[in-house]
């Protein structure tokens, strides 16, 4: 059984990694992989009740992650439909190309910690199109956006799906991950930024207008929704700390409050003016296939954990590498080839909380490496894939022009974390 499960998982993984060549959405591959893994487990098991028990145990944790993502994605979509992000982007007035590069990168770094790296990459890539007309400079800037978005998401419990998974799973706590990882993540951004800056010279001829307001949304409404949305996201860690309830309840509380706010401010508008501004419409626009992808891959990994395969994988890594730092750095580099969500999910099953308790060195380092390692290749992160699609970035162009900078930043941040760790003991 174990061999068949491993083969099914690896084949499913290949279809996920090679989504574009196969022209099969990775959500479909993930769902099939997850269902097939549990089907094989059930068919080969002599105790079907035990299989169902294992599935039920994992389902509550998986559901918590999915509900959190659903709520967060809806809030972000609601902010975007109200032109809320213009609150930030409209303040960029400089025409100096180097200043534009630095401003965009820094905004991306901090914005992705509050929203998430995928959404931030999409917003900032759209902004870059308005500011930079030279394609080479624009693509380099987008490359920096990918690096900044992944680095920014790594030090926040809500900035990346993988850190959210570790937080909900009890492996990390919000305050600790911020304190321990903000400096390594900042180094991961600043080194590539410093090295790429000399490639930019002069000023842009003209700045495009960033004040494209939707006719049915006033400036005050846009600001209100933006503020309420950001507050809802930021307050989730506080909600969990105070109530000790799962984070998905905190994000649903924020969504409920925003739902009431938007219903009130648009209550007097005609239906055709407010239809695109409602939560119902936002729910239609969110990337549901991504949520189904997370469901499929988390279900598949849960099966591997229940059958003991992940424990065997952990033992093989320990015997092959021996050093925990080498293992985690390798996992981070693998995340540039393989999606970091299943990689982190597998790691959570390989190493238990009894051996590696909450806020252990392993979990924090894993959050950094798997969060930022994906920047080394354009296909290694959701932010990179989104930017690749929006700007039609060639895989080998990214390897030639951005990958080395991303790798240097990644390794520098990793060594920074390793050197910093004794200070917190």
Protein backbone atom coordinates (compact mmCIF):
# COMPACT_ATOMS: atom_id res chain seq x y z
CA UNK A 1 0.00 0.00 0.00
CA UNK A 2 2.72 2.46 0.96
CA UNK A 3 4.41 2.15 -2.45
CA UNK A 4 1.14 2.70 -4.32
CA UNK A 5 0.35 5.75 -2.17
CA UNK A 6 3.79 7.20 -2.80
CA UNK A 7 3.46 6.66 -6.56
CA UNK A 8 0.00 8.26 -6.69
CA UNK A 9 1.21 11.25 -4.66
CA UNK A 10 4.34 11.74 -6.78
CA UNK A 11 2.38 11.50 -10.04
CA UNK A 12 -0.18 13.97 -8.69
CA UNK A 13 2.67 16.24 -7.63
CA UNK A 14 4.13 16.15 -11.14
CA UNK A 15 0.80 17.16 -12.65
CA UNK A 16 0.59 20.04 -10.16
CA UNK A 17 4.14 21.21 -10.86
CA UNK A 18 3.68 20.88 -14.64
CA UNK A 19 0.25 22.51 -14.70
CA UNK A 20 0.99 24.69 -17.74
CA UNK A 21 2.63 22.05 -20.02
CA UNK A 22 -0.19 19.58 -19.28
CA UNK A 23 -2.87 22.30 -19.51
CA UNK A 24 -4.67 20.77 -16.52
CA UNK A 25 -5.60 23.06 -13.64
CA UNK A 26 -3.60 22.12 -10.55
CA UNK A 27 -6.80 22.16 -8.46
CA UNK A 28 -8.12 19.19 -10.48
CA UNK A 29 -4.84 17.29 -10.01
CA UNK A 30 -4.79 18.03 -6.28
CA UNK A 31 -8.41 16.94 -5.72
CA UNK A 32 -7.88 13.69 -7.62
CA UNK A 33 -4.64 13.01 -5.72
CA UNK A 34 -6.29 13.60 -2.35
CA UNK A 35 -9.31 11.43 -3.04
CA UNK A 36 -7.24 8.62 -4.60
CA UNK A 37 -4.86 8.53 -1.62
CA UNK A 38 -7.68 8.06 0.88
CA UNK A 39 -9.43 5.56 -1.42
CA UNK A 40 -6.28 3.43 -1.58
CA UNK A 41 -5.85 3.71 2.20
CA UNK A 42 -9.47 2.58 2.74
CA UNK A 43 -9.29 -0.32 0.28
CA UNK A 44 -6.09 -1.73 1.77
CA UNK A 45 -7.08 -1.19 5.39
CA UNK A 46 -8.65 -3.92 7.50
CA UNK A 47 -10.17 -1.34 9.87
CA UNK A 48 -12.31 1.13 7.91
CA UNK A 49 -13.48 2.78 11.14
CA UNK A 50 -9.89 3.75 11.89
CA UNK A 51 -9.52 5.27 8.40
CA UNK A 52 -12.67 7.34 8.88
CA UNK A 53 -11.47 8.41 12.32
CA UNK A 54 -8.15 9.63 10.89
CA UNK A 55 -9.95 11.51 8.12
CA UNK A 56 -12.30 13.20 10.61
CA UNK A 57 -9.35 14.25 12.79
CA UNK A 58 -7.65 16.00 9.89
CA UNK A 59 -10.83 17.49 8.46
CA UNK A 60 -11.39 20.02 11.26
CA UNK A 61 -7.90 21.49 10.83
CA UNK A 62 -8.18 21.54 7.04
CA UNK A 63 -11.61 23.21 7.23
CA UNK A 64 -10.18 25.90 9.51
CA UNK A 65 -7.50 26.75 6.94
CA UNK A 66 -10.00 26.82 4.06
CA UNK A 67 -12.53 29.00 5.91
CA UNK A 68 -9.71 31.39 6.83
CA UNK A 69 -8.61 31.66 3.20
CA UNK A 70 -12.20 32.10 2.02
CA UNK A 71 -12.78 34.98 4.45
CA UNK A 72 -9.43 36.67 3.76
CA UNK A 73 -9.79 36.44 -0.02
CA UNK A 74 -13.32 37.89 0.15
CA UNK A 75 -12.18 40.82 2.29
CA UNK A 76 -9.34 41.60 -0.11
CA UNK A 77 -11.67 41.35 -3.12
CA UNK A 78 -14.10 43.70 -1.39
CA UNK A 79 -11.34 46.26 -0.81
CA UNK A 80 -10.29 46.01 -4.44
CA UNK A 81 -13.84 46.44 -5.76
CA UNK A 82 -14.04 49.70 -3.79
CA UNK A 83 -10.72 50.92 -5.23
CA UNK A 84 -9.31 50.75 -1.72
CA UNK A 85 -5.76 50.04 -2.85
CA UNK A 86 -5.68 53.43 -4.60
CA UNK A 87 -5.31 54.83 -1.07
CA UNK A 88 -1.72 53.58 -1.20
CA UNK A 89 -0.81 53.66 -4.87
CA UNK A 90 -2.08 57.19 -5.56
CA UNK A 91 0.58 58.57 -3.21
CA UNK A 92 3.47 57.61 -5.51
CA UNK A 93 4.38 60.90 -7.22
CA UNK A 94 8.12 60.64 -7.96
CA UNK A 95 9.34 60.14 -11.54
CA UNK A 96 12.83 58.87 -10.57
CA UNK A 97 13.03 55.24 -11.72
CA UNK A 98 15.24 54.11 -8.84
CA UNK A 99 12.95 55.73 -6.28
CA UNK A 100 9.94 54.11 -7.92
CA UNK A 101 11.68 50.71 -7.68
CA UNK A 102 12.43 51.17 -3.98
CA UNK A 103 8.98 52.56 -3.13
CA UNK A 104 7.19 49.73 -4.91
CA UNK A 105 9.43 47.08 -3.30
CA UNK A 106 9.06 48.46 0.24
CA UNK A 107 5.29 48.92 -0.10
CA UNK A 108 5.02 45.36 -1.43
CA UNK A 109 7.07 44.00 1.48
CA UNK A 110 4.84 45.50 4.17
CA UNK A 111 1.54 45.23 2.29
CA UNK A 112 1.99 41.49 1.71
CA UNK A 113 2.39 40.99 5.46
CA UNK A 114 -1.08 42.44 5.99
CA UNK A 115 -2.86 41.06 2.94
CA UNK A 116 -1.07 38.10 1.34
CA UNK A 117 1.76 37.76 -1.16
CA UNK A 118 -0.44 36.73 -4.09
CA UNK A 119 -2.91 39.62 -3.79
CA UNK A 120 -0.14 42.13 -3.16
CA UNK A 121 1.82 40.92 -6.20
CA UNK A 122 -1.26 41.37 -8.40
CA UNK A 123 -1.98 44.87 -7.06
CA UNK A 124 1.62 46.08 -7.33
CA UNK A 125 2.17 44.55 -10.77
CA UNK A 126 -0.90 46.42 -11.98
CA UNK A 127 0.53 49.63 -10.53
CA UNK A 128 3.90 49.06 -12.18
CA UNK A 129 2.22 48.93 -15.58
CA UNK A 130 1.03 52.50 -15.00
CA UNK A 131 4.39 53.83 -13.82
CA UNK A 132 7.04 52.17 -16.01
CA UNK A 133 6.76 51.98 -19.78
CA UNK A 134 10.17 50.44 -20.59
CA UNK A 135 9.53 46.68 -20.69
CA UNK A 136 12.95 45.57 -19.40
CA UNK A 137 12.74 47.89 -16.41
CA UNK A 138 9.13 46.94 -15.79
CA UNK A 139 9.94 43.23 -15.79
CA UNK A 140 12.86 43.76 -13.40
CA UNK A 141 10.53 45.68 -11.11
CA UNK A 142 7.98 42.88 -11.28
CA UNK A 143 10.78 40.44 -10.40
CA UNK A 144 11.46 42.55 -7.31
CA UNK A 145 7.75 42.56 -6.53
CA UNK A 146 7.81 38.74 -6.47
CA UNK A 147 10.82 38.73 -4.12
CA UNK A 148 9.33 41.46 -1.90
CA UNK A 149 5.89 39.85 -1.74
CA UNK A 150 7.29 36.46 -0.70
CA UNK A 151 9.71 38.01 1.79
CA UNK A 152 6.94 40.16 3.27
CA UNK A 153 4.57 37.23 3.59
CA UNK A 154 7.12 35.05 5.41
CA UNK A 155 7.28 37.08 8.64
CA UNK A 156 3.52 37.50 9.10
CA UNK A 157 1.05 34.83 10.25
CA UNK A 158 -1.44 36.05 7.62
CA UNK A 159 1.01 37.01 4.85
CA UNK A 160 1.39 33.61 3.22
CA UNK A 161 -0.70 30.45 3.12
CA UNK A 162 2.19 28.44 4.58
CA UNK A 163 2.67 30.71 7.61
CA UNK A 164 -1.10 30.69 8.11
CA UNK A 165 -1.03 26.87 8.06
CA UNK A 166 1.78 26.81 10.64
CA UNK A 167 -0.06 29.31 12.83
CA UNK A 168 -3.39 27.47 12.70
CA UNK A 169 -1.57 24.18 13.27
CA UNK A 170 -0.01 25.53 16.48
CA UNK A 171 3.58 25.44 15.23
CA UNK A 172 4.13 29.23 15.48
CA UNK A 173 2.65 32.23 17.30
CA UNK A 174 2.12 35.67 15.68
CA UNK A 175 4.36 37.79 17.93
CA UNK A 176 7.24 35.33 17.80
CA UNK A 177 7.22 34.87 14.02
CA UNK A 178 7.24 38.63 13.51
CA UNK A 179 10.11 39.25 15.94
CA UNK A 180 12.25 36.35 14.67
CA UNK A 181 11.72 36.67 10.92
CA UNK A 182 11.28 40.35 10.08
CA UNK A 183 15.03 41.02 9.89
CA UNK A 184 15.96 37.92 7.83
CA UNK A 185 13.02 38.67 5.51
CA UNK A 186 14.12 42.30 5.15
CA UNK A 187 17.65 41.18 4.23
CA UNK A 188 16.14 38.75 1.72
CA UNK A 189 14.53 41.78 0.06
CA UNK A 190 17.24 44.44 0.44
CA UNK A 191 20.20 42.53 -1.03
CA UNK A 192 18.51 41.83 -4.38
CA UNK A 193 17.07 45.36 -4.36
CA UNK A 194 20.50 46.93 -3.90
CA UNK A 195 22.00 44.75 -6.66
CA UNK A 196 19.21 45.45 -9.16
CA UNK A 197 19.01 49.22 -8.53
CA UNK A 198 22.02 50.15 -10.78
CA UNK A 199 20.11 48.74 -13.76
CA UNK A 200 17.67 51.67 -13.46
CA UNK A 201 18.66 55.12 -14.72
CA UNK A 202 16.87 58.40 -15.34
CA UNK A 203 13.24 59.39 -14.97
CA UNK A 204 9.97 58.25 -16.49
CA UNK A 205 8.62 60.70 -19.04
CA UNK A 206 5.21 60.97 -17.43
CA UNK A 207 3.31 59.38 -14.59
CA UNK A 208 -0.03 57.85 -15.43
CA UNK A 209 -2.97 58.87 -13.33
CA UNK A 210 -3.73 56.57 -10.41
CA UNK A 211 -7.04 58.09 -9.46
CA UNK A 212 -9.34 55.94 -11.56
CA UNK A 213 -12.32 55.84 -9.23
CA UNK A 214 -15.34 53.73 -9.96
CA UNK A 215 -18.24 56.15 -10.56
CA UNK A 216 -20.40 54.55 -7.87
CA UNK A 217 -17.73 54.70 -5.16
CA UNK A 218 -16.86 57.95 -3.41
CA UNK A 219 -13.44 58.68 -1.95
CA UNK A 220 -14.82 58.44 1.60
CA UNK A 221 -16.43 55.05 0.88
CA UNK A 222 -13.20 53.76 -0.63
CA UNK A 223 -11.20 54.89 2.40
CA UNK A 224 -13.75 53.44 4.84
CA UNK A 225 -13.77 50.00 3.21
CA UNK A 226 -9.98 49.98 2.92
CA UNK A 227 -9.57 50.88 6.60
CA UNK A 228 -12.17 48.36 7.76
CA UNK A 229 -10.63 45.63 5.63
CA UNK A 230 -7.08 46.18 6.82
CA UNK A 231 -8.28 46.43 10.43
CA UNK A 232 -10.19 43.15 10.02
CA UNK A 233 -7.06 41.36 8.82
CA UNK A 234 -4.75 42.86 11.42
CA UNK A 235 -7.12 42.09 14.30
CA UNK A 236 -7.25 38.33 13.59
CA UNK A 237 -4.09 37.48 15.62
CA UNK A 238 -5.40 39.63 18.49
CA UNK A 239 -8.77 37.86 18.34
CA UNK A 240 -7.07 34.46 18.64
CA UNK A 241 -4.86 35.63 21.51
CA UNK A 242 -7.77 37.04 23.52
CA UNK A 243 -10.41 34.37 22.84
CA UNK A 244 -8.18 31.32 22.15
CA UNK A 245 -10.61 30.46 19.35
CA UNK A 246 -9.45 29.34 15.87
CA UNK A 247 -8.27 32.14 13.51
CA UNK A 248 -10.98 31.38 10.94
CA UNK A 249 -13.60 32.69 13.40
CA UNK A 250 -11.64 35.96 13.65
CA UNK A 251 -11.52 36.40 9.88
CA UNK A 252 -15.23 35.54 9.58
CA UNK A 253 -15.99 38.13 12.26
CA UNK A 254 -14.14 40.73 10.19
CA UNK A 255 -15.96 39.65 7.04
CA UNK A 256 -19.31 39.89 8.83
CA UNK A 257 -18.53 43.43 10.01
CA UNK A 258 -17.46 44.48 6.51
CA UNK A 259 -20.60 42.90 5.07
CA UNK A 260 -22.75 45.08 7.37
CA UNK A 261 -20.69 48.20 6.58
CA UNK A 262 -20.96 47.79 2.82
CA UNK A 263 -24.69 47.02 3.02
CA UNK A 264 -25.23 50.23 4.98
CA UNK A 265 -23.16 52.59 2.80
CA UNK A 266 -24.72 51.29 -0.43
CA UNK A 267 -28.30 50.81 0.81
CA UNK A 268 -29.68 53.85 -1.05
CA UNK A 269 -27.98 53.11 -4.39
CA UNK A 270 -29.70 51.60 -7.38
CA UNK A 271 -29.14 47.86 -7.87
CA UNK A 272 -26.98 48.27 -11.00
CA UNK A 273 -24.71 50.69 -9.10
CA UNK A 274 -24.16 48.53 -6.04
CA UNK A 275 -24.23 44.99 -7.46
CA UNK A 276 -20.46 44.93 -8.10
CA UNK A 277 -19.74 46.29 -4.62
CA UNK A 278 -21.49 43.65 -2.52
CA UNK A 279 -19.98 40.75 -0.61
CA UNK A 280 -22.07 38.41 -2.73
CA UNK A 281 -20.33 39.71 -5.84
CA UNK A 282 -16.93 39.50 -4.12
CA UNK A 283 -17.58 35.84 -3.32
CA UNK A 284 -18.19 35.22 -7.02
CA UNK A 285 -14.87 36.81 -7.98
CA UNK A 286 -12.52 35.11 -5.53
CA UNK A 287 -10.23 32.37 -6.82
CA UNK A 288 -12.28 29.34 -5.77
CA UNK A 289 -10.00 26.97 -7.68
CA UNK A 290 -7.12 27.94 -5.35
CA UNK A 291 -9.21 27.00 -2.33
CA UNK A 292 -10.03 23.64 -3.93
CA UNK A 293 -6.33 23.15 -4.68
CA UNK A 294 -5.47 23.68 -1.00
CA UNK A 295 -8.26 21.27 -0.04
CA UNK A 296 -6.98 18.54 -2.36
CA UNK A 297 -3.33 18.82 -1.42
CA UNK A 298 -3.99 19.06 2.34
CA UNK A 299 -6.26 15.99 2.18
CA UNK A 300 -3.56 14.07 0.29
CA UNK A 301 -0.83 15.03 2.77
CA UNK A 302 -3.14 14.12 5.67
CA UNK A 303 -3.41 10.61 4.22
CA UNK A 304 0.38 10.27 3.97
CA UNK A 305 0.65 11.38 7.59
CA UNK A 306 -2.01 8.92 8.77
CA UNK A 307 -0.28 6.00 7.04
CA UNK A 308 3.13 6.89 8.50
CA UNK A 309 4.83 7.72 5.19
CA UNK A 310 5.80 11.22 6.30
CA UNK A 311 7.57 9.86 9.36
CA UNK A 312 9.60 7.62 7.06
CA UNK A 313 10.44 10.64 4.87
CA UNK A 314 11.60 12.58 7.95
CA UNK A 315 13.85 9.72 8.95
CA UNK A 316 15.36 9.59 5.47
CA UNK A 317 16.08 13.34 5.50
CA UNK A 318 17.69 13.12 8.93
CA UNK A 319 19.92 10.23 7.87
CA UNK A 320 20.81 11.84 4.52
CA UNK A 321 21.56 15.38 5.72
CA UNK A 322 21.86 15.07 9.47
CA UNK A 323 21.86 18.83 10.03
CA UNK A 324 18.48 20.55 10.60
CA UNK A 325 19.62 23.77 8.92
CA UNK A 326 20.65 21.91 5.77
CA UNK A 327 17.31 20.09 5.68
CA UNK A 328 15.22 23.26 5.98
CA UNK A 329 17.34 25.27 3.50
CA UNK A 330 16.99 22.39 1.02
CA UNK A 331 13.22 22.33 1.55
CA UNK A 332 13.16 26.07 0.85
CA UNK A 333 15.01 25.62 -2.43
CA UNK A 334 12.69 22.76 -3.34
CA UNK A 335 9.76 25.15 -2.89
CA UNK A 336 10.98 27.03 -5.99
CA UNK A 337 10.26 23.86 -7.99
CA UNK A 338 7.43 22.35 -5.96
CA UNK A 339 4.53 24.37 -4.55
CA UNK A 340 5.34 25.41 -0.98
CA UNK A 341 1.85 24.56 0.34
CA UNK A 342 2.21 20.75 0.08
CA UNK A 343 5.87 21.03 1.07
CA UNK A 344 5.00 22.74 4.36
CA UNK A 345 1.98 20.51 4.88
CA UNK A 346 4.25 17.48 4.50
CA UNK A 347 6.81 18.95 6.90
CA UNK A 348 4.08 19.52 9.50
CA UNK A 349 3.31 15.81 9.27
CA UNK A 350 6.96 14.75 9.29
CA UNK A 351 7.91 16.59 12.48
CA UNK A 352 5.53 16.48 15.46
CA UNK A 353 4.84 19.11 18.11
CA UNK A 354 5.94 16.77 20.90
CA UNK A 355 9.51 16.77 19.55
CA UNK A 356 9.43 20.28 18.08
CA UNK A 357 7.05 22.38 20.24
CA UNK A 358 5.36 25.66 19.32
CA UNK A 359 7.83 28.41 18.24
CA UNK A 360 10.65 25.91 17.89
CA UNK A 361 13.59 26.91 15.71
CA UNK A 362 12.49 24.37 13.07
CA UNK A 363 9.04 25.91 12.48
CA UNK A 364 10.25 29.50 12.26
CA UNK A 365 13.09 28.61 9.90
CA UNK A 366 10.70 26.52 7.82
CA UNK A 367 8.32 29.50 7.56
CA UNK A 368 11.17 31.69 6.29
CA UNK A 369 12.72 29.20 3.87
CA UNK A 370 9.52 27.89 2.29
CA UNK A 371 8.09 31.41 2.17
CA UNK A 372 11.05 33.03 0.40
CA UNK A 373 12.74 30.12 -1.41
CA UNK A 374 10.03 30.11 -4.05
CA UNK A 375 11.32 33.44 -5.38
CA UNK A 376 14.33 31.70 -6.91
CA UNK A 377 12.17 30.60 -9.85
CA UNK A 378 9.18 32.40 -11.38
CA UNK A 379 7.05 29.23 -10.99
CA UNK A 380 8.05 28.72 -7.35
CA UNK A 381 5.33 30.82 -5.74
CA UNK A 382 1.76 31.97 -6.28
CA UNK A 383 3.04 35.55 -6.52
CA UNK A 384 5.51 34.55 -9.23
CA UNK A 385 2.96 32.60 -11.24
CA UNK A 386 0.52 35.54 -11.09
CA UNK A 387 3.20 38.00 -12.23
CA UNK A 388 4.28 35.59 -14.94
CA UNK A 389 0.75 35.49 -16.32
CA UNK A 390 0.10 39.22 -16.08
CA UNK A 391 3.35 40.35 -17.72
CA UNK A 392 4.02 37.26 -19.89
CA UNK A 393 7.41 36.78 -18.23
CA UNK A 394 9.48 34.03 -19.82
CA UNK A 395 10.75 31.36 -17.42
CA UNK A 396 14.33 31.57 -18.72
CA UNK A 397 14.31 35.38 -18.74
CA UNK A 398 13.57 35.27 -15.02
CA UNK A 399 16.33 32.69 -14.45
CA UNK A 400 18.81 34.89 -16.30
CA UNK A 401 17.84 38.26 -14.82
CA UNK A 402 16.33 37.65 -11.36
CA UNK A 403 16.99 34.15 -10.00
CA UNK A 404 20.59 34.78 -8.87
CA UNK A 405 19.58 37.92 -6.95
CA UNK A 406 16.70 36.04 -5.33
CA UNK A 407 18.99 33.15 -4.36
CA UNK A 408 21.57 35.49 -2.80
CA UNK A 409 18.85 37.24 -0.80
CA UNK A 410 17.35 33.91 0.27
CA UNK A 411 20.65 32.49 1.51
CA UNK A 412 21.66 35.77 3.22
CA UNK A 413 18.36 35.87 5.11
CA UNK A 414 18.73 32.21 6.07
CA UNK A 415 22.21 32.74 7.49
CA UNK A 416 20.97 35.86 9.29
CA UNK A 417 18.31 33.77 11.01
CA UNK A 418 20.83 31.08 11.95
CA UNK A 419 23.20 33.68 13.44
CA UNK A 420 20.36 35.46 15.27
CA UNK A 421 18.90 32.37 16.93
CA UNK A 422 21.40 32.22 19.87
CA UNK A 423 20.31 35.75 20.84
CA UNK A 424 16.79 34.52 21.59
CA UNK A 425 17.78 31.46 23.62
